[in-house]
Amino acid sequence: MQTVFELFTEHQFDLSEIAKIRIRTVEEVEKLLDATRESLHTSLLRRQNNSD
């Protein structure tokens, strides 16, 4: 997940380019990116709740 997220955010590759790089389907890459976003969101919410 981290690699897909990094390729998307840091290197500005699109989903089809990442799919080729990672030898995955675009759908698999999209699911990984969605899972990463959800994980980050959950992590940030937990950190915010713990700091209150």
C-alpha atoms as a PDB file:
ATOM      1  CA  MET A   1       0.000   0.000   0.000  1.00  0.00           C
ATOM      2  CA  GLN A   2       2.772   2.401   0.891  1.00  0.00           C
ATOM      3  CA  THR A   3       4.477   2.056  -2.487  1.00  0.00           C
ATOM      4  CA  VAL A   4       1.252   2.656  -4.404  1.00  0.00           C
ATOM      5  CA  PHE A   5       0.469   5.703  -2.274  1.00  0.00           C
ATOM      6  CA  GLU A   6       3.971   7.078  -2.740  1.00  0.00           C
ATOM      7  CA  LEU A   7       3.909   6.578  -6.503  1.00  0.00           C
ATOM      8  CA  PHE A   8       0.547   8.346  -6.660  1.00  0.00           C
ATOM      9  CA  THR A   9       1.238  11.254  -4.307  1.00  0.00           C
ATOM     10  CA  GLU A  10       4.983  11.863  -4.517  1.00  0.00           C
ATOM     11  CA  HIS A  11       5.683  10.930  -8.120  1.00  0.00           C
ATOM     12  CA  GLN A  12       2.299  11.855  -9.637  1.00  0.00           C
ATOM     13  CA  PHE A  13       1.855   8.581 -11.545  1.00  0.00           C
ATOM     14  CA  ASP A  14      -1.701   7.790 -12.561  1.00  0.00           C
ATOM     15  CA  LEU A  15      -3.427   4.501 -11.749  1.00  0.00           C
ATOM     16  CA  SER A  16      -2.642   2.841 -15.069  1.00  0.00           C
ATOM     17  CA  GLU A  17       1.048   3.730 -14.787  1.00  0.00           C
ATOM     18  CA  ILE A  18       1.203   2.365 -11.248  1.00  0.00           C
ATOM     19  CA  ALA A  19      -0.566  -0.802 -12.392  1.00  0.00           C
ATOM     20  CA  LYS A  20       2.118  -1.345 -15.017  1.00  0.00           C
ATOM     21  CA  ILE A  21       4.932  -0.647 -12.553  1.00  0.00           C
ATOM     22  CA  ARG A  22       3.482  -2.959  -9.880  1.00  0.00           C
ATOM     23  CA  ILE A  23       2.226  -5.572 -12.389  1.00  0.00           C
ATOM     24  CA  ARG A  24      -1.333  -5.257 -11.094  1.00  0.00           C
ATOM     25  CA  THR A  25      -4.677  -4.367 -12.604  1.00  0.00           C
ATOM     26  CA  VAL A  26      -5.931  -0.802 -12.388  1.00  0.00           C
ATOM     27  CA  GLU A  27      -8.736  -2.076 -10.157  1.00  0.00           C
ATOM     28  CA  GLU A  28      -6.243  -3.641  -7.729  1.00  0.00           C
ATOM     29  CA  VAL A  29      -4.240  -0.420  -7.591  1.00  0.00           C
ATOM     30  CA  GLU A  30      -7.389   1.594  -7.014  1.00  0.00           C
ATOM     31  CA  LYS A  31      -8.401  -0.700  -4.135  1.00  0.00           C
ATOM     32  CA  LEU A  32      -4.934  -0.400  -2.589  1.00  0.00           C
ATOM     33  CA  LEU A  33      -5.048   3.380  -2.862  1.00  0.00           C
ATOM     34  CA  ASP A  34      -8.527   3.496  -1.319  1.00  0.00           C
ATOM     35  CA  ALA A  35      -7.411   1.213   1.523  1.00  0.00           C
ATOM     36  CA  THR A  36      -4.388   3.416   2.155  1.00  0.00           C
ATOM     37  CA  ARG A  37      -6.514   6.546   2.268  1.00  0.00           C
ATOM     38  CA  GLU A  38      -8.930   4.904   4.695  1.00  0.00           C
ATOM     39  CA  SER A  39      -6.051   3.729   6.886  1.00  0.00           C
ATOM     40  CA  LEU A  40      -4.547   7.224   6.986  1.00  0.00           C
ATOM     41  CA  HIS A  41      -7.920   8.741   7.776  1.00  0.00           C
ATOM     42  CA  THR A  42      -8.486   6.317  10.641  1.00  0.00           C
ATOM     43  CA  SER A  43      -4.979   6.913  11.971  1.00  0.00           C
ATOM     44  CA  LEU A  44      -5.421  10.680  11.926  1.00  0.00           C
ATOM     45  CA  LEU A  45      -8.771  10.434  13.700  1.00  0.00           C
ATOM     46  CA  ARG A  46      -7.247   8.244  16.410  1.00  0.00           C
ATOM     47  CA  ARG A  47      -4.370  10.664  16.905  1.00  0.00           C
ATOM     48  CA  GLN A  48      -6.784  13.571  17.144  1.00  0.00           C
ATOM     49  CA  ASN A  49      -8.958  11.733  19.670  1.00  0.00           C
ATOM     50  CA  ASN A  50      -5.928  10.758  21.757  1.00  0.00           C
ATOM     51  CA  SER A  51      -4.670  14.344  21.898  1.00  0.00           C
ATOM     52  CA  ASP A  52      -7.961  15.677  23.283  1.00  0.00           C
END
